[in-house]
Amino acid sequence: MTEDAMFDGYRRGTTDVNGVSIAWWTKGNGPPLLLIHGYPQTHVMWHRQADVLAARFTVVAPDLRGYGDSAKPPGDADHGNYSKRTMAADLIAVMAALGHDRFAVAGHDRGARVAYRMALDHPSAVTRLAVLDIVPTKALYDATDRVIADAYFHWFMLTKPSPIPEALIGGAPDVWLDMCFGRWAGSAGAFTAEARAEYRQGFATAEGIHATCEDYRAGETVDVADDAAALAAGTKIAAPVLVLWGDRGLVGARFDPLRIWRDYATDVRGYALPCGHFLPEEAPDGTLAALLDFFG
């Protein structure tokens, strides 16, 4: 496996939770820190920060259900088995199995959506939360215009009924991945060949493509409803929240991220980094410095 060199010295395992097997990598002896990847990646996206973080924290880097080496079950009728609530519950159970009942969390992209749902649903577990290059799911859908629809066209393509997007992407997965990394990154050369190979291996199967489509189908339906319910109830994230975004991407260009996140959390701070969407790989030093400063 390509990740062996990038995660050398990590203990690797799998934990069966909620009817699926979740793969994880862990290293370190300090306070627990959960690192959650986004689309279309795996835990490997943290390879430029993980070792330094593991010198101070007990790092746990899983593959989300539907991604990488974790199980990829078929979506159910209402897409609920790929909701961020379900994916968050997976990782709560993984962390508990590893002996971590309270921990800090950093998430990027889809992983950040899992992370903020985790903080809402399990406030006693999440001590601090960092969300990288997102605004909440409902906020993005509510603000969609021509510019957002063009930049985030995959949000609308991947949610179409199966097997339409699965067949289109499955016919040329390398073209799709090249588009994702090329279109959303703010600079060329951000991804190592080893990381790209790992992402492709985890994504480019019929099961993987279907699972990641289900992730977005849940986003459009169940996850938006869960966001709306939290807002209506006045439920906010209690843990301190760090918001980071790329200054060459859509989040900073079309939103006021700190203002929006204050609708969802009580203690919010953050800033932009000089990059596009993939902060940990495009701005590795800035991302690491921000995480070390925030998580202590």
Protein backbone atom coordinates (compact mmCIF):
# COMPACT_ATOMS: atom_id res chain seq x y z
CA MET A 1 0.00 0.00 0.00
CA THR A 2 1.31 3.43 -0.87
CA GLU A 3 0.42 4.90 2.50
CA ASP A 4 2.93 2.66 4.29
CA ALA A 5 5.83 5.03 3.54
CA MET A 6 3.81 8.15 4.41
CA PHE A 7 2.49 6.69 7.68
CA ASP A 8 5.56 4.73 8.72
CA GLY A 9 5.52 3.81 12.39
CA TYR A 10 1.75 4.12 12.77
CA ARG A 11 -0.37 1.36 14.20
CA ARG A 12 -2.98 0.36 11.64
CA GLY A 13 -6.25 -1.33 12.45
CA THR A 14 -9.92 -1.68 11.64
CA THR A 15 -12.92 -1.41 13.94
CA ASP A 16 -16.38 -2.80 13.20
CA VAL A 17 -18.98 -0.18 14.06
CA ASN A 18 -22.58 0.38 12.98
CA GLY A 19 -22.41 -2.57 10.61
CA VAL A 20 -19.28 -1.37 8.74
CA SER A 21 -15.53 -1.77 9.11
CA ILE A 22 -13.62 1.50 9.56
CA ALA A 23 -9.87 1.56 8.86
CA TRP A 24 -7.64 3.82 10.98
CA TRP A 25 -4.02 4.74 11.62
CA THR A 26 -2.75 6.01 14.98
CA LYS A 27 0.50 7.25 16.50
CA GLY A 28 1.56 9.27 19.55
CA ASN A 29 1.03 9.42 23.31
CA GLY A 30 -0.46 12.84 23.98
CA PRO A 31 -4.05 14.10 24.06
CA PRO A 32 -6.15 12.48 21.31
CA LEU A 33 -6.61 14.32 18.00
CA LEU A 34 -8.88 12.96 15.26
CA LEU A 35 -8.00 13.96 11.67
CA ILE A 36 -10.79 13.48 9.10
CA HIS A 37 -10.19 13.64 5.35
CA GLY A 38 -12.43 14.90 2.55
CA TYR A 39 -13.44 14.05 -1.02
CA PRO A 40 -12.01 12.36 -3.07
CA GLN A 41 -9.20 11.54 -0.67
CA THR A 42 -8.27 9.32 2.27
CA HIS A 43 -6.43 9.74 5.58
CA VAL A 44 -3.26 10.19 3.49
CA MET A 45 -4.16 13.84 2.87
CA TRP A 46 -2.72 14.56 6.36
CA HIS A 47 0.69 13.06 5.57
CA ARG A 48 2.45 16.44 5.76
CA GLN A 49 1.15 17.23 9.25
CA ALA A 50 0.60 13.87 10.93
CA ASP A 51 4.11 13.12 12.18
CA VAL A 52 4.63 16.54 13.76
CA LEU A 53 1.19 16.40 15.34
CA ALA A 54 1.91 12.87 16.64
CA ALA A 55 4.89 14.23 18.57
CA ARG A 56 2.44 16.23 20.69
CA PHE A 57 -0.87 14.35 20.35
CA THR A 58 -2.19 10.84 19.89
CA VAL A 59 -3.18 11.18 16.25
CA VAL A 60 -6.01 9.02 14.87
CA ALA A 61 -6.49 9.26 11.09
CA PRO A 62 -9.36 7.10 9.76
CA ASP A 63 -10.84 6.55 6.33
CA LEU A 64 -14.50 7.55 6.37
CA ARG A 65 -17.09 4.93 5.46
CA GLY A 66 -17.21 4.82 1.67
CA TYR A 67 -13.58 5.91 1.28
CA GLY A 68 -10.13 4.36 1.18
CA ASP A 69 -9.78 1.10 3.08
CA SER A 70 -13.05 1.43 4.99
CA ALA A 71 -16.22 -0.43 4.05
CA LYS A 72 -18.31 0.89 1.17
CA PRO A 73 -21.88 -0.32 1.72
CA PRO A 74 -24.58 0.44 -0.86
CA GLY A 75 -26.63 3.52 -0.11
CA ASP A 76 -30.04 3.01 1.43
CA ALA A 77 -33.35 4.45 0.22
CA ASP A 78 -33.07 7.79 2.05
CA HIS A 79 -29.22 7.96 1.88
CA GLY A 80 -29.18 8.02 5.67
CA ASN A 81 -26.36 5.50 5.95
CA TYR A 82 -24.08 8.14 4.40
CA SER A 83 -25.39 11.06 6.44
CA LYS A 84 -22.82 13.04 8.36
CA ARG A 85 -24.67 12.03 11.53
CA THR A 86 -24.04 8.36 10.71
CA MET A 87 -20.43 8.96 9.68
CA ALA A 88 -19.83 10.93 12.87
CA ALA A 89 -21.29 8.09 14.93
CA ASP A 90 -18.87 5.70 13.19
CA LEU A 91 -15.90 7.75 14.34
CA ILE A 92 -17.23 8.31 17.85
CA ALA A 93 -17.35 4.51 18.16
CA VAL A 94 -13.86 4.10 16.69
CA MET A 95 -12.42 6.64 19.11
CA ALA A 96 -14.16 4.96 22.05
CA ALA A 97 -12.77 1.58 20.96
CA LEU A 98 -9.29 3.15 20.97
CA GLY A 99 -9.88 4.48 24.49
CA HIS A 100 -10.65 8.11 23.59
CA ASP A 101 -13.95 9.40 25.00
CA ARG A 102 -12.96 13.08 24.68
CA PHE A 103 -10.80 14.41 21.89
CA ALA A 104 -10.06 17.27 19.52
CA VAL A 105 -11.08 17.06 15.85
CA ALA A 106 -9.84 18.56 12.59
CA GLY A 107 -11.73 17.92 9.36
CA HIS A 108 -11.29 18.98 5.76
CA ASP A 109 -14.04 19.15 3.12
CA ARG A 110 -16.52 16.27 3.67
CA GLY A 111 -14.56 15.36 6.78
CA ALA A 112 -15.21 18.83 8.17
CA ARG A 113 -18.95 18.23 7.65
CA VAL A 114 -18.65 15.00 9.62
CA ALA A 115 -16.64 16.86 12.27
CA TYR A 116 -19.13 19.67 12.86
CA ARG A 117 -22.05 17.23 12.99
CA MET A 118 -20.04 15.23 15.53
CA ALA A 119 -19.59 18.36 17.66
CA LEU A 120 -23.33 19.07 17.51
CA ASP A 121 -24.45 15.50 18.21
CA HIS A 122 -21.75 14.55 20.74
CA PRO A 123 -20.80 17.75 22.58
CA SER A 124 -19.32 15.89 25.53
CA ALA A 125 -16.83 14.13 23.23
CA VAL A 126 -15.43 17.03 21.16
CA THR A 127 -13.11 19.38 23.05
CA ARG A 128 -12.01 21.57 20.12
CA LEU A 129 -12.96 21.61 16.44
CA ALA A 130 -11.12 22.80 13.32
CA VAL A 131 -13.03 22.96 10.01
CA LEU A 132 -11.04 23.44 6.81
CA ASP A 133 -12.42 25.17 3.72
CA ILE A 134 -16.15 24.75 4.18
CA VAL A 135 -19.23 26.59 5.29
CA PRO A 136 -22.10 24.51 6.71
CA THR A 137 -24.00 22.43 4.17
CA LYS A 138 -27.31 24.29 4.47
CA ALA A 139 -25.55 27.65 4.19
CA LEU A 140 -23.94 26.66 0.90
CA TYR A 141 -27.16 25.34 -0.63
CA ASP A 142 -29.10 28.42 0.52
CA ALA A 143 -26.58 30.75 -1.14
CA THR A 144 -26.28 28.88 -4.43
CA ASP A 145 -26.20 31.07 -7.51
CA ARG A 146 -24.59 30.68 -10.94
CA VAL A 147 -21.07 31.16 -9.58
CA ILE A 148 -21.47 28.61 -6.79
CA ALA A 149 -23.28 26.15 -9.06
CA ASP A 150 -20.41 26.31 -11.54
CA ALA A 151 -17.63 26.04 -8.94
CA TYR A 152 -19.41 23.27 -7.02
CA PHE A 153 -21.10 21.59 -9.96
CA HIS A 154 -20.20 18.18 -8.53
CA TRP A 155 -22.58 18.87 -5.62
CA PHE A 156 -25.42 18.72 -8.12
CA MET A 157 -24.03 16.08 -10.49
CA LEU A 158 -23.20 13.49 -7.81
CA THR A 159 -26.67 13.72 -6.28
CA LYS A 160 -28.44 12.59 -9.45
CA PRO A 161 -30.10 9.16 -9.22
CA SER A 162 -27.91 6.09 -9.35
CA PRO A 163 -26.42 4.83 -11.63
CA ILE A 164 -26.07 7.98 -13.76
CA PRO A 165 -23.10 9.72 -12.06
CA GLU A 166 -21.58 6.37 -11.13
CA ALA A 167 -21.54 5.30 -14.78
CA LEU A 168 -20.14 8.60 -16.03
CA ILE A 169 -17.33 8.78 -13.47
CA GLY A 170 -16.64 5.06 -13.65
CA GLY A 171 -16.00 5.34 -17.39
CA ALA A 172 -13.02 7.64 -16.78
CA PRO A 173 -12.08 7.83 -13.09
CA ASP A 174 -8.62 9.25 -13.79
CA VAL A 175 -10.12 12.10 -15.81
CA TRP A 176 -12.50 12.82 -12.93
CA LEU A 177 -9.77 12.80 -10.29
CA ASP A 178 -7.52 14.99 -12.43
CA MET A 179 -10.41 17.44 -12.77
CA CYS A 180 -11.04 17.49 -9.02
CA PHE A 181 -7.43 18.09 -8.08
CA GLY A 182 -6.74 20.49 -10.93
CA ARG A 183 -9.91 22.56 -10.63
CA TRP A 184 -10.02 22.93 -6.85
CA ALA A 185 -6.33 23.34 -6.07
CA GLY A 186 -4.93 26.86 -6.10
CA SER A 187 -1.50 25.78 -7.31
CA ALA A 188 0.07 23.05 -9.37
CA GLY A 189 2.19 20.32 -7.83
CA ALA A 190 0.45 20.19 -4.45
CA PHE A 191 0.00 16.42 -4.48
CA THR A 192 2.78 13.86 -4.36
CA ALA A 193 2.67 10.95 -6.76
CA GLU A 194 2.36 8.59 -3.80
CA ALA A 195 -0.65 10.44 -2.40
CA ARG A 196 -2.33 10.59 -5.81
CA ALA A 197 -1.86 6.84 -6.22
CA GLU A 198 -3.48 6.24 -2.83
CA TYR A 199 -6.44 8.46 -3.63
CA ARG A 200 -7.03 6.68 -6.90
CA GLN A 201 -6.79 3.24 -5.28
CA GLY A 202 -9.34 4.20 -2.65
CA PHE A 203 -11.76 5.87 -5.05
CA ALA A 204 -11.72 4.24 -8.48
CA THR A 205 -13.86 1.17 -7.92
CA ALA A 206 -17.56 0.77 -8.59
CA GLU A 207 -18.19 0.52 -4.83
CA GLY A 208 -16.06 3.56 -4.05
CA ILE A 209 -17.63 5.77 -6.70
CA HIS A 210 -21.14 4.79 -5.61
CA ALA A 211 -20.31 5.37 -1.94
CA THR A 212 -18.97 8.86 -2.56
CA CYS A 213 -22.04 9.73 -4.63
CA GLU A 214 -24.14 8.59 -1.68
CA ASP A 215 -22.14 10.93 0.56
CA TYR A 216 -23.30 13.86 -1.59
CA ARG A 217 -26.86 12.54 -1.93
CA ALA A 218 -27.04 12.51 1.86
CA GLY A 219 -25.67 16.04 1.88
CA GLU A 220 -28.49 17.35 -0.28
CA THR A 221 -31.20 15.65 1.78
CA VAL A 222 -30.54 14.34 5.28
CA ASP A 223 -27.63 16.65 6.13
CA VAL A 224 -29.47 19.82 5.10
CA ALA A 225 -32.44 18.74 7.20
CA ASP A 226 -30.16 18.10 10.19
CA ASP A 227 -28.57 21.55 9.81
CA ALA A 228 -32.00 23.16 9.61
CA ALA A 229 -33.17 21.33 12.73
CA ALA A 230 -30.15 22.50 14.71
CA LEU A 231 -30.67 26.10 13.64
CA ALA A 232 -34.38 25.97 14.44
CA ALA A 233 -33.66 24.55 17.89
CA GLY A 234 -30.93 27.11 18.57
CA THR A 235 -28.41 24.32 19.09
CA LYS A 236 -24.83 25.51 18.68
CA ILE A 237 -21.42 23.87 18.81
CA ALA A 238 -20.12 24.41 22.33
CA ALA A 239 -16.47 23.60 21.64
CA PRO A 240 -14.11 26.34 20.39
CA VAL A 241 -14.02 26.33 16.58
CA LEU A 242 -11.14 27.21 14.26
CA VAL A 243 -12.19 28.02 10.68
CA LEU A 244 -9.50 27.93 7.97
CA TRP A 245 -10.01 28.49 4.25
CA GLY A 246 -7.97 29.06 1.12
CA ASP A 247 -7.76 32.59 -0.21
CA ARG A 248 -7.84 31.28 -3.82
CA GLY A 249 -11.00 29.24 -3.38
CA LEU A 250 -14.74 29.71 -3.36
CA VAL A 251 -15.32 29.77 0.40
CA GLY A 252 -13.51 33.04 0.98
CA ALA A 253 -14.59 34.57 -2.31
CA ARG A 254 -18.34 34.01 -1.88
CA PHE A 255 -18.86 33.85 1.88
CA ASP A 256 -17.95 35.54 5.13
CA PRO A 257 -16.91 32.27 6.80
CA LEU A 258 -16.55 33.55 10.36
CA ARG A 259 -19.95 35.27 10.31
CA ILE A 260 -21.66 32.14 8.98
CA TRP A 261 -19.98 29.82 11.46
CA ARG A 262 -21.14 32.04 14.33
CA ASP A 263 -24.68 30.95 13.48
CA TYR A 264 -23.58 27.39 14.28
CA ALA A 265 -21.04 27.83 17.10
CA THR A 266 -20.51 30.03 20.12
CA ASP A 267 -16.72 30.46 19.98
CA VAL A 268 -15.31 30.99 16.46
CA ARG A 269 -12.00 32.27 15.16
CA GLY A 270 -10.00 31.75 11.96
CA TYR A 271 -8.39 33.10 8.82
CA ALA A 272 -7.44 32.38 5.22
CA LEU A 273 -4.29 30.62 4.07
CA PRO A 274 -2.55 31.33 0.72
CA CYS A 275 -3.89 28.40 -1.28
CA GLY A 276 -6.91 26.82 -2.91
CA HIS A 277 -9.14 24.11 -1.46
CA PHE A 278 -6.62 21.49 -0.33
CA LEU A 279 -5.06 23.33 2.62
CA PRO A 280 -3.05 20.46 4.18
CA GLU A 281 -1.27 19.74 0.89
CA GLU A 282 -1.15 23.20 -0.70
CA ALA A 283 -0.24 25.13 2.46
CA PRO A 284 1.23 22.40 4.68
CA ASP A 285 3.29 24.65 6.95
CA GLY A 286 0.54 27.20 7.47
CA THR A 287 -2.00 24.47 8.14
CA LEU A 288 0.30 22.77 10.63
CA ALA A 289 1.07 26.03 12.44
CA ALA A 290 -2.62 26.87 12.72
CA LEU A 291 -3.50 23.43 14.10
CA LEU A 292 -0.62 23.42 16.60
CA ASP A 293 -1.55 26.86 17.84
CA PHE A 294 -5.26 26.05 18.16
CA PHE A 295 -5.00 22.58 19.66
CA GLY A 296 -2.12 23.55 21.93
